Amino acid sequence: RHQATEIIEDDNNYVSVYINLVGQGDATFFRDGVMVQGKWKRNSEQEFFQFTDASGNPFSLKPGNTWFEIVPIGYPLEVK
């Protein structure tokens, strides 16, 4: 969940957003040019994320750099 805070981020007075990254939810993965629907799960801030595909099988990230884009629930995703 995205939650507004009272922390001012910059000179434009934009406020920081707190994002709770504990729990579980839907995920869309892009790996090797393929889009995979799945889930993420994290029981506490001390644990690593667990990722699974739509069938519940573990989904591994590719070695190297990984980028995450966190969007509000219900945000329309357009893939071109």
N, C-alpha and C. Protein backbone atom coordinates (compact mmCIF):
# COMPACT_ATOMS: atom_id res chain seq x y z
N ARG A 1 0.84 -1.18 0.00
CA ARG A 1 0.00 0.00 0.00
C ARG A 1 0.88 1.24 0.00
N HIS A 2 0.52 2.20 -0.79
CA HIS A 2 1.20 3.48 -0.82
C HIS A 2 0.53 4.39 0.22
N GLN A 3 1.35 4.99 1.08
CA GLN A 3 0.82 5.89 2.09
C GLN A 3 1.63 7.18 2.07
N ALA A 4 0.93 8.30 1.98
CA ALA A 4 1.62 9.59 2.02
C ALA A 4 2.21 9.81 3.40
N THR A 5 3.33 10.51 3.44
CA THR A 5 3.95 10.87 4.71
C THR A 5 4.01 12.39 4.80
N GLU A 6 4.59 12.89 5.85
CA GLU A 6 4.78 14.33 6.00
C GLU A 6 6.22 14.72 5.67
N ILE A 7 6.99 13.81 5.09
CA ILE A 7 8.39 14.07 4.76
C ILE A 7 8.44 14.79 3.42
N ILE A 8 9.01 15.99 3.42
CA ILE A 8 9.16 16.76 2.19
C ILE A 8 10.39 16.24 1.44
N GLU A 9 10.21 15.86 0.18
CA GLU A 9 11.28 15.25 -0.62
C GLU A 9 12.21 16.26 -1.27
N ASP A 10 11.66 17.41 -1.74
CA ASP A 10 12.49 18.31 -2.54
C ASP A 10 11.97 19.74 -2.45
N ASP A 11 12.58 20.62 -3.23
CA ASP A 11 12.21 22.04 -3.23
C ASP A 11 10.82 22.30 -3.78
N ASN A 12 10.23 21.33 -4.46
CA ASN A 12 8.87 21.47 -5.00
C ASN A 12 7.80 21.07 -4.00
N ASN A 13 8.22 20.74 -2.78
CA ASN A 13 7.33 20.33 -1.69
C ASN A 13 6.59 19.03 -1.95
N TYR A 14 7.17 18.15 -2.78
CA TYR A 14 6.60 16.83 -2.96
C TYR A 14 6.86 16.00 -1.70
N VAL A 15 5.84 15.27 -1.26
CA VAL A 15 6.00 14.47 -0.05
C VAL A 15 6.44 13.06 -0.39
N SER A 16 7.16 12.46 0.52
CA SER A 16 7.61 11.08 0.37
C SER A 16 6.42 10.14 0.53
N VAL A 17 6.55 8.96 -0.05
CA VAL A 17 5.52 7.93 0.05
C VAL A 17 6.12 6.71 0.72
N TYR A 18 5.41 6.18 1.71
CA TYR A 18 5.81 4.94 2.37
C TYR A 18 5.11 3.79 1.65
N ILE A 19 5.87 2.75 1.31
CA ILE A 19 5.30 1.59 0.65
C ILE A 19 5.58 0.37 1.53
N ASN A 20 4.53 -0.27 1.99
CA ASN A 20 4.66 -1.46 2.83
C ASN A 20 5.08 -2.63 1.94
N LEU A 21 6.26 -3.16 2.17
CA LEU A 21 6.77 -4.27 1.37
C LEU A 21 6.81 -5.57 2.17
N VAL A 22 5.86 -5.70 3.09
CA VAL A 22 5.68 -6.94 3.83
C VAL A 22 4.27 -7.43 3.54
N GLY A 23 4.14 -8.71 3.29
CA GLY A 23 2.85 -9.29 2.95
C GLY A 23 2.97 -10.06 1.66
N GLN A 24 1.97 -9.91 0.79
CA GLN A 24 2.00 -10.60 -0.49
C GLN A 24 1.12 -9.87 -1.47
N GLY A 25 1.34 -10.16 -2.75
CA GLY A 25 0.53 -9.52 -3.77
C GLY A 25 0.88 -10.02 -5.16
N ASP A 26 0.17 -9.47 -6.12
CA ASP A 26 0.40 -9.83 -7.52
C ASP A 26 1.70 -9.22 -8.02
N ALA A 27 2.30 -9.87 -9.00
CA ALA A 27 3.54 -9.38 -9.60
C ALA A 27 3.54 -9.69 -11.09
N THR A 28 4.21 -8.84 -11.84
CA THR A 28 4.46 -9.08 -13.25
C THR A 28 5.96 -9.04 -13.43
N PHE A 29 6.52 -10.13 -13.90
CA PHE A 29 7.98 -10.24 -14.09
C PHE A 29 8.30 -10.16 -15.57
N PHE A 30 9.41 -9.53 -15.88
CA PHE A 30 9.93 -9.50 -17.25
C PHE A 30 11.34 -10.06 -17.19
N ARG A 31 11.54 -11.19 -17.85
CA ARG A 31 12.85 -11.83 -17.85
C ARG A 31 13.11 -12.43 -19.22
N ASP A 32 14.27 -12.12 -19.77
CA ASP A 32 14.67 -12.65 -21.07
C ASP A 32 13.63 -12.37 -22.16
N GLY A 33 13.02 -11.20 -22.11
CA GLY A 33 12.05 -10.81 -23.12
C GLY A 33 10.67 -11.44 -22.97
N VAL A 34 10.41 -12.09 -21.84
CA VAL A 34 9.13 -12.77 -21.62
C VAL A 34 8.46 -12.17 -20.39
N MET A 35 7.15 -11.93 -20.49
CA MET A 35 6.38 -11.46 -19.34
C MET A 35 5.75 -12.65 -18.63
N VAL A 36 5.89 -12.69 -17.31
CA VAL A 36 5.35 -13.79 -16.50
C VAL A 36 4.51 -13.18 -15.38
N GLN A 37 3.27 -13.62 -15.26
CA GLN A 37 2.42 -13.20 -14.14
C GLN A 37 2.73 -14.09 -12.95
N GLY A 38 2.72 -13.49 -11.76
CA GLY A 38 3.01 -14.28 -10.57
C GLY A 38 2.64 -13.55 -9.30
N LYS A 39 3.33 -13.92 -8.25
CA LYS A 39 3.07 -13.36 -6.91
C LYS A 39 4.39 -13.07 -6.22
N TRP A 40 4.35 -12.13 -5.28
CA TRP A 40 5.47 -11.88 -4.39
C TRP A 40 4.99 -12.11 -2.97
N LYS A 41 5.94 -12.45 -2.09
CA LYS A 41 5.61 -12.68 -0.69
C LYS A 41 6.82 -12.33 0.16
N ARG A 42 6.57 -11.71 1.27
CA ARG A 42 7.64 -11.37 2.22
C ARG A 42 7.00 -11.28 3.60
N ASN A 43 7.42 -12.14 4.51
CA ASN A 43 6.79 -12.21 5.83
C ASN A 43 7.28 -11.15 6.80
N SER A 44 8.50 -10.63 6.60
CA SER A 44 9.02 -9.59 7.48
C SER A 44 10.09 -8.81 6.73
N GLU A 45 10.44 -7.64 7.25
CA GLU A 45 11.46 -6.81 6.60
C GLU A 45 12.85 -7.46 6.66
N GLN A 46 13.02 -8.46 7.50
CA GLN A 46 14.31 -9.14 7.61
C GLN A 46 14.46 -10.28 6.61
N GLU A 47 13.40 -10.63 5.92
CA GLU A 47 13.43 -11.76 4.98
C GLU A 47 13.61 -11.27 3.55
N PHE A 48 14.10 -12.16 2.71
CA PHE A 48 14.15 -11.89 1.28
C PHE A 48 12.75 -12.09 0.70
N PHE A 49 12.51 -11.49 -0.45
CA PHE A 49 11.26 -11.70 -1.17
C PHE A 49 11.23 -13.12 -1.74
N GLN A 50 10.03 -13.69 -1.80
CA GLN A 50 9.81 -14.96 -2.48
C GLN A 50 8.91 -14.67 -3.67
N PHE A 51 9.30 -15.16 -4.83
CA PHE A 51 8.53 -14.95 -6.05
C PHE A 51 8.07 -16.28 -6.60
N THR A 52 6.82 -16.31 -7.09
CA THR A 52 6.29 -17.52 -7.72
C THR A 52 5.58 -17.13 -9.01
N ASP A 53 5.49 -18.08 -9.95
CA ASP A 53 4.73 -17.84 -11.17
C ASP A 53 3.25 -18.10 -10.88
N ALA A 54 2.41 -17.96 -11.90
CA ALA A 54 0.96 -18.11 -11.72
C ALA A 54 0.56 -19.50 -11.25
N SER A 55 1.40 -20.50 -11.49
CA SER A 55 1.11 -21.87 -11.04
C SER A 55 1.63 -22.15 -9.64
N GLY A 56 2.29 -21.17 -9.03
CA GLY A 56 2.83 -21.35 -7.69
C GLY A 56 4.24 -21.89 -7.65
N ASN A 57 4.87 -22.06 -8.82
CA ASN A 57 6.26 -22.53 -8.87
C ASN A 57 7.21 -21.38 -8.56
N PRO A 58 8.31 -21.67 -7.87
CA PRO A 58 9.29 -20.61 -7.59
C PRO A 58 9.76 -19.94 -8.88
N PHE A 59 9.88 -18.62 -8.83
CA PHE A 59 10.35 -17.86 -9.98
C PHE A 59 11.65 -17.18 -9.58
N SER A 60 12.73 -17.51 -10.28
CA SER A 60 14.05 -16.97 -9.95
C SER A 60 14.35 -15.73 -10.77
N LEU A 61 15.01 -14.79 -10.13
CA LEU A 61 15.50 -13.63 -10.85
C LEU A 61 16.81 -14.00 -11.53
N LYS A 62 17.10 -13.35 -12.62
CA LYS A 62 18.33 -13.61 -13.36
C LYS A 62 19.51 -13.00 -12.60
N PRO A 63 20.66 -13.66 -12.57
CA PRO A 63 21.83 -13.07 -11.91
C PRO A 63 22.16 -11.70 -12.50
N GLY A 64 22.59 -10.79 -11.65
CA GLY A 64 22.92 -9.44 -12.09
C GLY A 64 21.97 -8.44 -11.47
N ASN A 65 21.91 -7.26 -12.06
CA ASN A 65 21.04 -6.20 -11.56
C ASN A 65 19.57 -6.50 -11.80
N THR A 66 18.75 -6.14 -10.85
CA THR A 66 17.31 -6.29 -10.96
C THR A 66 16.66 -4.96 -10.61
N TRP A 67 15.67 -4.55 -11.40
CA TRP A 67 14.93 -3.32 -11.13
C TRP A 67 13.51 -3.66 -10.76
N PHE A 68 12.99 -2.95 -9.76
CA PHE A 68 11.61 -3.12 -9.31
C PHE A 68 10.85 -1.83 -9.58
N GLU A 69 9.66 -1.96 -10.09
CA GLU A 69 8.75 -0.82 -10.25
C GLU A 69 7.54 -1.14 -9.39
N ILE A 70 7.29 -0.33 -8.39
CA ILE A 70 6.18 -0.57 -7.47
C ILE A 70 5.08 0.43 -7.80
N VAL A 71 3.91 -0.08 -8.15
CA VAL A 71 2.80 0.77 -8.56
C VAL A 71 1.60 0.50 -7.66
N PRO A 72 0.68 1.45 -7.55
CA PRO A 72 -0.51 1.25 -6.73
C PRO A 72 -1.35 0.07 -7.23
N ILE A 73 -2.05 -0.56 -6.33
CA ILE A 73 -2.96 -1.66 -6.68
C ILE A 73 -3.98 -1.14 -7.69
N GLY A 74 -4.21 -1.90 -8.75
CA GLY A 74 -5.17 -1.51 -9.77
C GLY A 74 -4.61 -0.60 -10.84
N TYR A 75 -3.33 -0.26 -10.75
CA TYR A 75 -2.69 0.60 -11.73
C TYR A 75 -2.67 -0.11 -13.08
N PRO A 76 -3.15 0.53 -14.14
CA PRO A 76 -3.16 -0.15 -15.44
C PRO A 76 -1.74 -0.33 -15.98
N LEU A 77 -1.43 -1.52 -16.39
CA LEU A 77 -0.11 -1.85 -16.93
C LEU A 77 -0.24 -2.04 -18.42
N GLU A 78 0.51 -1.26 -19.19
CA GLU A 78 0.49 -1.37 -20.63
C GLU A 78 1.84 -1.88 -21.10
N VAL A 79 1.83 -3.02 -21.78
CA VAL A 79 3.05 -3.62 -22.28
C VAL A 79 3.05 -3.52 -23.79
N LYS A 80 4.14 -2.96 -24.33
CA LYS A 80 4.21 -2.79 -25.79
C LYS A 80 5.28 -3.69 -26.34
